[in-house]
Amino acid sequence: MTDNLEALEDWAGALLAKLSPAERRKLTTRIGRDLRRNQQQRIATQRNPDGTPYAPRKAQALRSKQGRIKRQMFARLRRAKHLRLQSTADSIAIAFTGRIARIAKVHQQGLRDRPGRGQAEVQYAKRELLGFANTDLELIRSTLIAYIVGSRSS
């Protein structure tokens, strides 16, 4: 995956060098929004970047009872409010912010944490919330090409 990302970076570098900083900023913002949307959709479908499903939640009494609402994992975590986009003419960053960042880090890396006050530490399964999938690399490539072609025709 990193080889693909480096190849894309080398290929795009020459094209991006020809754009003004304002055009690069506009392009990185567009790519960042699309990438964030892809990350949100992938988190909603509970899939790792490589396409494997997240490790299932540990069974608990409240979730197994009849008539209870089945909550989806990371429903609030994937909101744009918590999943921030920062883009400049030279970079794009998508990251969790604030207190949510700690929760996301625990799940992203599969660390130990206390789920609530007074509760014992729990080892969480590794669930990659953020990461590059092949579809993300293709999205970057196609958006870049569409932008370059569109700017040449105008």
N, C-alpha and C. Protein backbone atom coordinates (compact mmCIF):
# COMPACT_ATOMS: atom_id res chain seq x y z
N MET A 1 0.83 -1.19 0.00
CA MET A 1 0.00 0.00 0.00
C MET A 1 0.88 1.25 0.00
N THR A 2 1.95 1.26 0.79
CA THR A 2 2.81 2.44 0.84
C THR A 2 3.52 2.65 -0.50
N ASP A 3 3.84 1.56 -1.21
CA ASP A 3 4.45 1.71 -2.53
C ASP A 3 3.51 2.42 -3.49
N ASN A 4 2.22 2.05 -3.44
CA ASN A 4 1.21 2.70 -4.28
C ASN A 4 1.09 4.18 -3.94
N LEU A 5 1.13 4.48 -2.65
CA LEU A 5 1.00 5.86 -2.20
C LEU A 5 2.21 6.68 -2.63
N GLU A 6 3.40 6.11 -2.52
CA GLU A 6 4.61 6.82 -2.96
C GLU A 6 4.62 7.02 -4.47
N ALA A 7 4.17 6.02 -5.22
CA ALA A 7 4.10 6.15 -6.68
C ALA A 7 3.12 7.24 -7.07
N LEU A 8 1.97 7.30 -6.37
CA LEU A 8 0.99 8.35 -6.64
C LEU A 8 1.56 9.72 -6.31
N GLU A 9 2.29 9.80 -5.21
CA GLU A 9 2.90 11.06 -4.80
C GLU A 9 3.92 11.54 -5.84
N ASP A 10 4.76 10.64 -6.34
CA ASP A 10 5.75 11.00 -7.36
C ASP A 10 5.06 11.47 -8.64
N TRP A 11 4.03 10.73 -9.05
CA TRP A 11 3.31 11.06 -10.28
C TRP A 11 2.61 12.41 -10.16
N ALA A 12 1.96 12.64 -9.02
CA ALA A 12 1.18 13.86 -8.83
C ALA A 12 2.06 15.07 -8.57
N GLY A 13 3.25 14.85 -8.02
CA GLY A 13 4.13 15.95 -7.68
C GLY A 13 4.44 16.86 -8.85
N ALA A 14 4.74 16.27 -9.99
CA ALA A 14 5.07 17.06 -11.18
C ALA A 14 3.86 17.86 -11.65
N LEU A 15 2.68 17.25 -11.59
CA LEU A 15 1.47 17.96 -12.02
C LEU A 15 1.11 19.09 -11.06
N LEU A 16 1.25 18.82 -9.78
CA LEU A 16 0.89 19.83 -8.77
C LEU A 16 1.86 21.01 -8.77
N ALA A 17 3.11 20.77 -9.15
CA ALA A 17 4.09 21.85 -9.17
C ALA A 17 3.70 22.94 -10.17
N LYS A 18 2.95 22.58 -11.18
CA LYS A 18 2.53 23.54 -12.20
C LYS A 18 1.35 24.40 -11.77
N LEU A 19 0.68 24.03 -10.67
CA LEU A 19 -0.48 24.78 -10.20
C LEU A 19 -0.05 25.87 -9.23
N SER A 20 -0.82 26.95 -9.16
CA SER A 20 -0.54 28.01 -8.19
C SER A 20 -0.94 27.51 -6.80
N PRO A 21 -0.41 28.13 -5.74
CA PRO A 21 -0.79 27.72 -4.37
C PRO A 21 -2.30 27.77 -4.12
N ALA A 22 -2.98 28.77 -4.68
CA ALA A 22 -4.43 28.87 -4.50
C ALA A 22 -5.15 27.71 -5.17
N GLU A 23 -4.70 27.33 -6.37
CA GLU A 23 -5.31 26.19 -7.06
C GLU A 23 -5.04 24.89 -6.31
N ARG A 24 -3.79 24.75 -5.80
CA ARG A 24 -3.47 23.53 -5.03
C ARG A 24 -4.32 23.44 -3.77
N ARG A 25 -4.55 24.58 -3.12
CA ARG A 25 -5.37 24.59 -1.90
C ARG A 25 -6.81 24.17 -2.22
N LYS A 26 -7.34 24.68 -3.32
CA LYS A 26 -8.70 24.32 -3.73
C LYS A 26 -8.77 22.81 -4.04
N LEU A 27 -7.76 22.31 -4.72
CA LEU A 27 -7.71 20.89 -5.06
C LEU A 27 -7.57 20.01 -3.82
N THR A 28 -6.69 20.39 -2.89
CA THR A 28 -6.51 19.57 -1.69
C THR A 28 -7.76 19.58 -0.82
N THR A 29 -8.47 20.70 -0.80
CA THR A 29 -9.73 20.75 -0.03
C THR A 29 -10.75 19.80 -0.65
N ARG A 30 -10.86 19.79 -1.96
CA ARG A 30 -11.80 18.91 -2.65
C ARG A 30 -11.44 17.43 -2.39
N ILE A 31 -10.16 17.11 -2.54
CA ILE A 31 -9.72 15.72 -2.29
C ILE A 31 -9.96 15.34 -0.84
N GLY A 32 -9.64 16.25 0.09
CA GLY A 32 -9.83 15.99 1.51
C GLY A 32 -11.29 15.72 1.87
N ARG A 33 -12.20 16.51 1.32
CA ARG A 33 -13.64 16.29 1.58
C ARG A 33 -14.07 14.92 1.09
N ASP A 34 -13.62 14.56 -0.11
CA ASP A 34 -13.98 13.25 -0.66
C ASP A 34 -13.38 12.11 0.16
N LEU A 35 -12.13 12.28 0.59
CA LEU A 35 -11.49 11.25 1.42
C LEU A 35 -12.20 11.10 2.76
N ARG A 36 -12.57 12.23 3.37
CA ARG A 36 -13.28 12.17 4.65
C ARG A 36 -14.62 11.46 4.48
N ARG A 37 -15.32 11.75 3.39
CA ARG A 37 -16.60 11.08 3.12
C ARG A 37 -16.38 9.57 2.97
N ASN A 38 -15.32 9.18 2.27
CA ASN A 38 -15.01 7.75 2.12
C ASN A 38 -14.69 7.11 3.47
N GLN A 39 -13.93 7.80 4.31
CA GLN A 39 -13.60 7.26 5.63
C GLN A 39 -14.87 7.09 6.46
N GLN A 40 -15.76 8.08 6.40
CA GLN A 40 -17.01 8.01 7.15
C GLN A 40 -17.86 6.83 6.69
N GLN A 41 -17.95 6.63 5.39
CA GLN A 41 -18.74 5.53 4.85
C GLN A 41 -18.13 4.18 5.23
N ARG A 42 -16.81 4.10 5.21
CA ARG A 42 -16.14 2.86 5.55
C ARG A 42 -16.33 2.54 7.04
N ILE A 43 -16.27 3.56 7.89
CA ILE A 43 -16.51 3.35 9.32
C ILE A 43 -17.95 2.90 9.54
N ALA A 44 -18.90 3.48 8.79
CA ALA A 44 -20.31 3.11 8.93
C ALA A 44 -20.53 1.65 8.53
N THR A 45 -19.81 1.17 7.52
CA THR A 45 -19.95 -0.24 7.11
C THR A 45 -19.09 -1.15 7.95
N GLN A 46 -18.33 -0.57 8.89
CA GLN A 46 -17.48 -1.30 9.83
C GLN A 46 -16.47 -2.20 9.13
N ARG A 47 -15.70 -1.58 8.25
CA ARG A 47 -14.66 -2.29 7.49
C ARG A 47 -13.31 -1.62 7.70
N ASN A 48 -12.26 -2.43 7.81
CA ASN A 48 -10.89 -1.93 7.83
C ASN A 48 -10.51 -1.47 6.43
N PRO A 49 -9.46 -0.67 6.27
CA PRO A 49 -9.06 -0.23 4.92
C PRO A 49 -8.78 -1.38 3.96
N ASP A 50 -8.34 -2.52 4.45
CA ASP A 50 -8.06 -3.65 3.56
C ASP A 50 -9.32 -4.43 3.19
N GLY A 51 -10.49 -4.03 3.71
CA GLY A 51 -11.75 -4.65 3.35
C GLY A 51 -12.26 -5.68 4.34
N THR A 52 -11.47 -6.04 5.32
CA THR A 52 -11.91 -7.02 6.32
C THR A 52 -12.87 -6.35 7.30
N PRO A 53 -13.83 -7.09 7.84
CA PRO A 53 -14.77 -6.49 8.80
C PRO A 53 -14.08 -6.22 10.15
N TYR A 54 -14.61 -5.25 10.88
CA TYR A 54 -14.11 -4.97 12.23
C TYR A 54 -14.33 -6.19 13.11
N ALA A 55 -13.50 -6.32 14.12
CA ALA A 55 -13.72 -7.36 15.12
C ALA A 55 -15.06 -7.05 15.80
N PRO A 56 -15.90 -8.07 16.03
CA PRO A 56 -17.22 -7.79 16.62
C PRO A 56 -17.11 -7.30 18.06
N ARG A 57 -18.14 -6.60 18.48
CA ARG A 57 -18.20 -6.14 19.86
C ARG A 57 -18.33 -7.32 20.80
N LYS A 58 -17.87 -7.11 22.02
CA LYS A 58 -18.04 -8.12 23.05
C LYS A 58 -19.52 -8.16 23.44
N ALA A 59 -20.07 -9.36 23.57
CA ALA A 59 -21.49 -9.51 23.93
C ALA A 59 -21.73 -8.98 25.34
N GLN A 60 -22.79 -8.20 25.50
CA GLN A 60 -23.16 -7.67 26.81
C GLN A 60 -24.64 -7.91 27.04
N ALA A 61 -25.03 -7.92 28.27
CA ALA A 61 -26.41 -8.23 28.64
C ALA A 61 -27.41 -7.26 28.00
N LEU A 62 -27.12 -5.98 28.00
CA LEU A 62 -28.07 -5.00 27.46
C LEU A 62 -28.29 -5.18 25.97
N ARG A 63 -27.24 -5.54 25.24
CA ARG A 63 -27.38 -5.65 23.80
C ARG A 63 -28.05 -6.95 23.38
N SER A 64 -28.05 -7.94 24.23
CA SER A 64 -28.61 -9.23 23.83
C SER A 64 -30.09 -9.37 24.17
N LYS A 65 -30.63 -8.47 24.98
CA LYS A 65 -32.04 -8.58 25.36
C LYS A 65 -32.95 -8.23 24.21
N GLN A 66 -34.10 -8.88 24.16
CA GLN A 66 -35.11 -8.61 23.13
C GLN A 66 -35.64 -7.19 23.29
N GLY A 67 -35.91 -6.53 22.19
CA GLY A 67 -36.54 -5.22 22.23
C GLY A 67 -35.59 -4.07 22.45
N ARG A 68 -34.32 -4.32 22.64
CA ARG A 68 -33.35 -3.24 22.83
C ARG A 68 -32.91 -2.70 21.48
N ILE A 69 -32.52 -1.48 21.49
CA ILE A 69 -32.03 -0.87 20.26
C ILE A 69 -30.62 -1.37 20.01
N LYS A 70 -30.38 -1.82 18.81
CA LYS A 70 -29.04 -2.27 18.44
C LYS A 70 -28.27 -1.06 17.96
N ARG A 71 -27.29 -0.64 18.73
CA ARG A 71 -26.52 0.53 18.37
C ARG A 71 -25.39 0.16 17.41
N GLN A 72 -25.09 1.07 16.53
CA GLN A 72 -24.00 0.85 15.60
C GLN A 72 -22.71 1.40 16.20
N MET A 73 -21.64 0.66 16.00
CA MET A 73 -20.35 1.05 16.53
C MET A 73 -19.85 2.33 15.84
N PHE A 74 -19.32 3.26 16.62
CA PHE A 74 -18.71 4.50 16.14
C PHE A 74 -19.68 5.42 15.40
N ALA A 75 -20.96 5.41 15.76
CA ALA A 75 -21.94 6.24 15.07
C ALA A 75 -21.62 7.73 15.23
N ARG A 76 -21.27 8.15 16.42
CA ARG A 76 -20.96 9.57 16.64
C ARG A 76 -19.54 9.91 16.23
N LEU A 77 -18.68 8.95 16.33
CA LEU A 77 -17.26 9.17 16.04
C LEU A 77 -17.02 9.61 14.61
N ARG A 78 -17.83 9.14 13.69
CA ARG A 78 -17.59 9.42 12.28
C ARG A 78 -18.20 10.73 11.79
N ARG A 79 -18.85 11.48 12.64
CA ARG A 79 -19.42 12.76 12.25
C ARG A 79 -18.33 13.76 11.87
N ALA A 80 -18.65 14.67 10.98
CA ALA A 80 -17.68 15.67 10.54
C ALA A 80 -17.23 16.55 11.70
N LYS A 81 -18.06 16.67 12.71
CA LYS A 81 -17.71 17.46 13.89
C LYS A 81 -16.46 16.91 14.57
N HIS A 82 -16.32 15.60 14.57
CA HIS A 82 -15.18 14.96 15.24
C HIS A 82 -14.08 14.55 14.27
N LEU A 83 -14.42 14.31 13.04
CA LEU A 83 -13.47 13.89 12.02
C LEU A 83 -13.11 15.12 11.19
N ARG A 84 -12.06 15.81 11.61
CA ARG A 84 -11.71 17.11 11.04
C ARG A 84 -10.80 16.99 9.83
N LEU A 85 -10.98 17.93 8.92
CA LEU A 85 -10.18 18.02 7.72
C LEU A 85 -9.35 19.29 7.79
N GLN A 86 -8.05 19.17 7.58
CA GLN A 86 -7.17 20.32 7.48
C GLN A 86 -6.42 20.20 6.17
N SER A 87 -6.55 21.21 5.32
CA SER A 87 -5.84 21.16 4.05
C SER A 87 -5.14 22.49 3.81
N THR A 88 -3.95 22.38 3.26
CA THR A 88 -3.18 23.54 2.83
C THR A 88 -2.83 23.30 1.37
N ALA A 89 -2.04 24.19 0.81
CA ALA A 89 -1.62 24.02 -0.58
C ALA A 89 -0.69 22.81 -0.71
N ASP A 90 -0.08 22.39 0.39
CA ASP A 90 0.91 21.32 0.34
C ASP A 90 0.50 20.02 1.02
N SER A 91 -0.60 20.03 1.80
CA SER A 91 -0.93 18.81 2.54
C SER A 91 -2.43 18.69 2.82
N ILE A 92 -2.81 17.45 3.13
CA ILE A 92 -4.18 17.14 3.54
C ILE A 92 -4.06 16.31 4.81
N ALA A 93 -4.83 16.64 5.83
CA ALA A 93 -4.84 15.86 7.06
C ALA A 93 -6.28 15.63 7.49
N ILE A 94 -6.60 14.37 7.77
CA ILE A 94 -7.91 14.01 8.30
C ILE A 94 -7.64 13.31 9.61
N ALA A 95 -8.20 13.86 10.70
CA ALA A 95 -7.90 13.30 12.02
C ALA A 95 -9.07 13.53 12.97
N PHE A 96 -9.11 12.72 14.00
CA PHE A 96 -10.09 12.90 15.05
C PHE A 96 -9.56 13.98 15.99
N THR A 97 -10.47 14.75 16.58
CA THR A 97 -10.06 15.86 17.44
C THR A 97 -10.62 15.71 18.84
N GLY A 98 -10.00 16.39 19.77
CA GLY A 98 -10.49 16.47 21.13
C GLY A 98 -10.45 15.15 21.88
N ARG A 99 -11.42 14.97 22.76
CA ARG A 99 -11.49 13.75 23.57
C ARG A 99 -11.75 12.52 22.72
N ILE A 100 -12.41 12.71 21.60
CA ILE A 100 -12.71 11.61 20.69
C ILE A 100 -11.42 11.00 20.13
N ALA A 101 -10.38 11.82 19.99
CA ALA A 101 -9.11 11.34 19.43
C ALA A 101 -8.54 10.21 20.29
N ARG A 102 -8.70 10.30 21.60
CA ARG A 102 -8.18 9.25 22.49
C ARG A 102 -8.94 7.95 22.29
N ILE A 103 -10.25 8.03 22.17
CA ILE A 103 -11.07 6.84 21.94
C ILE A 103 -10.71 6.21 20.60
N ALA A 104 -10.56 7.04 19.58
CA ALA A 104 -10.21 6.55 18.25
C ALA A 104 -8.84 5.88 18.26
N LYS A 105 -7.89 6.47 19.00
CA LYS A 105 -6.54 5.90 19.06
C LYS A 105 -6.56 4.52 19.71
N VAL A 106 -7.36 4.35 20.76
CA VAL A 106 -7.45 3.06 21.43
C VAL A 106 -7.95 2.00 20.47
N HIS A 107 -8.96 2.32 19.68
CA HIS A 107 -9.51 1.34 18.74
C HIS A 107 -8.60 1.15 17.53
N GLN A 108 -8.01 2.24 17.03
CA GLN A 108 -7.13 2.18 15.87
C GLN A 108 -5.94 1.25 16.12
N GLN A 109 -5.37 1.34 17.33
CA GLN A 109 -4.15 0.59 17.64
C GLN A 109 -4.41 -0.65 18.48
N GLY A 110 -5.63 -0.86 18.94
CA GLY A 110 -5.95 -2.03 19.75
C GLY A 110 -5.30 -1.97 21.13
N LEU A 111 -5.50 -0.87 21.83
CA LEU A 111 -4.87 -0.66 23.14
C LEU A 111 -5.80 -1.06 24.28
N ARG A 112 -5.31 -0.93 25.49
CA ARG A 112 -6.11 -1.18 26.69
C ARG A 112 -6.66 0.16 27.19
N ASP A 113 -7.90 0.14 27.71
CA ASP A 113 -8.52 1.36 28.22
C ASP A 113 -9.64 0.98 29.16
N ARG A 114 -10.06 1.95 29.96
CA ARG A 114 -11.22 1.76 30.84
C ARG A 114 -12.44 2.32 30.12
N PRO A 115 -13.48 1.51 29.91
CA PRO A 115 -14.66 2.00 29.20
C PRO A 115 -15.46 3.03 29.98
N GLY A 116 -15.36 3.03 31.29
CA GLY A 116 -16.08 3.98 32.12
C GLY A 116 -15.41 4.10 33.47
N ARG A 117 -15.84 5.07 34.25
CA ARG A 117 -15.25 5.26 35.58
C ARG A 117 -15.54 4.06 36.45
N GLY A 118 -14.53 3.62 37.16
CA GLY A 118 -14.71 2.52 38.10
C GLY A 118 -14.75 1.15 37.45
N GLN A 119 -14.61 1.07 36.14
CA GLN A 119 -14.63 -0.22 35.47
C GLN A 119 -13.21 -0.70 35.23
N ALA A 120 -13.07 -2.01 35.10
CA ALA A 120 -11.76 -2.61 34.89
C ALA A 120 -11.26 -2.28 33.48
N GLU A 121 -9.94 -2.36 33.32
CA GLU A 121 -9.35 -2.14 32.00
C GLU A 121 -9.76 -3.25 31.04
N VAL A 122 -9.96 -2.87 29.79
CA VAL A 122 -10.38 -3.80 28.75
C VAL A 122 -9.38 -3.72 27.61
N GLN A 123 -9.03 -4.86 27.04
CA GLN A 123 -8.19 -4.89 25.84
C GLN A 123 -9.12 -4.79 24.63
N TYR A 124 -8.99 -3.73 23.86
CA TYR A 124 -9.83 -3.53 22.69
C TYR A 124 -9.20 -4.19 21.47
N ALA A 125 -10.04 -4.71 20.61
CA ALA A 125 -9.57 -5.28 19.35
C ALA A 125 -9.13 -4.15 18.43
N LYS A 126 -8.20 -4.43 17.55
CA LYS A 126 -7.72 -3.43 16.60
C LYS A 126 -8.77 -3.25 15.50
N ARG A 127 -9.23 -2.00 15.38
CA ARG A 127 -10.20 -1.63 14.34
C ARG A 127 -9.66 -0.38 13.66
N GLU A 128 -9.19 -0.50 12.45
CA GLU A 128 -8.57 0.63 11.77
C GLU A 128 -9.63 1.61 11.29
N LEU A 129 -9.79 2.69 12.03
CA LEU A 129 -10.80 3.69 11.69
C LEU A 129 -10.35 4.54 10.50
N LEU A 130 -9.09 4.94 10.49
CA LEU A 130 -8.56 5.75 9.41
C LEU A 130 -7.44 5.00 8.70
N GLY A 131 -7.41 5.12 7.40
CA GLY A 131 -6.36 4.48 6.62
C GLY A 131 -6.70 4.56 5.15
N PHE A 132 -5.70 4.33 4.33
CA PHE A 132 -5.90 4.38 2.88
C PHE A 132 -6.30 3.02 2.34
N ALA A 133 -7.38 3.01 1.60
CA ALA A 133 -7.80 1.83 0.85
C ALA A 133 -7.43 2.09 -0.62
N ASN A 134 -7.44 1.05 -1.41
CA ASN A 134 -7.14 1.22 -2.84
C ASN A 134 -8.12 2.18 -3.50
N THR A 135 -9.37 2.16 -3.05
CA THR A 135 -10.37 3.07 -3.63
C THR A 135 -10.03 4.52 -3.32
N ASP A 136 -9.41 4.78 -2.17
CA ASP A 136 -9.01 6.14 -1.82
C ASP A 136 -7.90 6.64 -2.75
N LEU A 137 -6.95 5.77 -3.04
CA LEU A 137 -5.88 6.16 -3.96
C LEU A 137 -6.42 6.43 -5.36
N GLU A 138 -7.37 5.62 -5.77
CA GLU A 138 -8.00 5.82 -7.08
C GLU A 138 -8.80 7.12 -7.09
N LEU A 139 -9.47 7.44 -5.98
CA LEU A 139 -10.21 8.69 -5.86
C LEU A 139 -9.28 9.88 -6.00
N ILE A 140 -8.13 9.84 -5.35
CA ILE A 140 -7.16 10.93 -5.44
C ILE A 140 -6.70 11.10 -6.88
N ARG A 141 -6.36 9.98 -7.50
CA ARG A 141 -5.87 10.01 -8.89
C ARG A 141 -6.93 10.60 -9.83
N SER A 142 -8.16 10.13 -9.73
CA SER A 142 -9.20 10.59 -10.65
C SER A 142 -9.58 12.05 -10.39
N THR A 143 -9.61 12.47 -9.12
CA THR A 143 -9.92 13.87 -8.81
C THR A 143 -8.83 14.78 -9.35
N LEU A 144 -7.59 14.37 -9.20
CA LEU A 144 -6.46 15.16 -9.69
C LEU A 144 -6.53 15.31 -11.22
N ILE A 145 -6.78 14.20 -11.90
CA ILE A 145 -6.87 14.25 -13.36
C ILE A 145 -8.04 15.12 -13.80
N ALA A 146 -9.18 14.96 -13.17
CA ALA A 146 -10.36 15.76 -13.53
C ALA A 146 -10.10 17.24 -13.29
N TYR A 147 -9.39 17.59 -12.21
CA TYR A 147 -9.10 18.98 -11.92
C TYR A 147 -8.14 19.56 -12.95
N ILE A 148 -7.10 18.81 -13.28
CA ILE A 148 -6.10 19.29 -14.25
C ILE A 148 -6.76 19.48 -15.63
N VAL A 149 -7.55 18.49 -16.05
CA VAL A 149 -8.23 18.59 -17.34
C VAL A 149 -9.22 19.75 -17.33
N GLY A 150 -9.94 19.94 -16.23
CA GLY A 150 -10.91 21.03 -16.12
C GLY A 150 -10.25 22.39 -16.12
N SER A 151 -9.07 22.51 -15.49
CA SER A 151 -8.40 23.80 -15.43
C SER A 151 -7.74 24.15 -16.76
N ARG A 152 -7.38 23.14 -17.55
CA ARG A 152 -6.77 23.39 -18.86
C ARG A 152 -7.81 23.90 -19.86
N SER A 153 -9.06 23.39 -19.71
CA SER A 153 -10.08 23.78 -20.67
C SER A 153 -10.66 25.16 -20.38
N SER A 154 -10.48 25.66 -19.12
CA SER A 154 -11.04 26.97 -18.82
C SER A 154 -10.08 28.10 -19.04
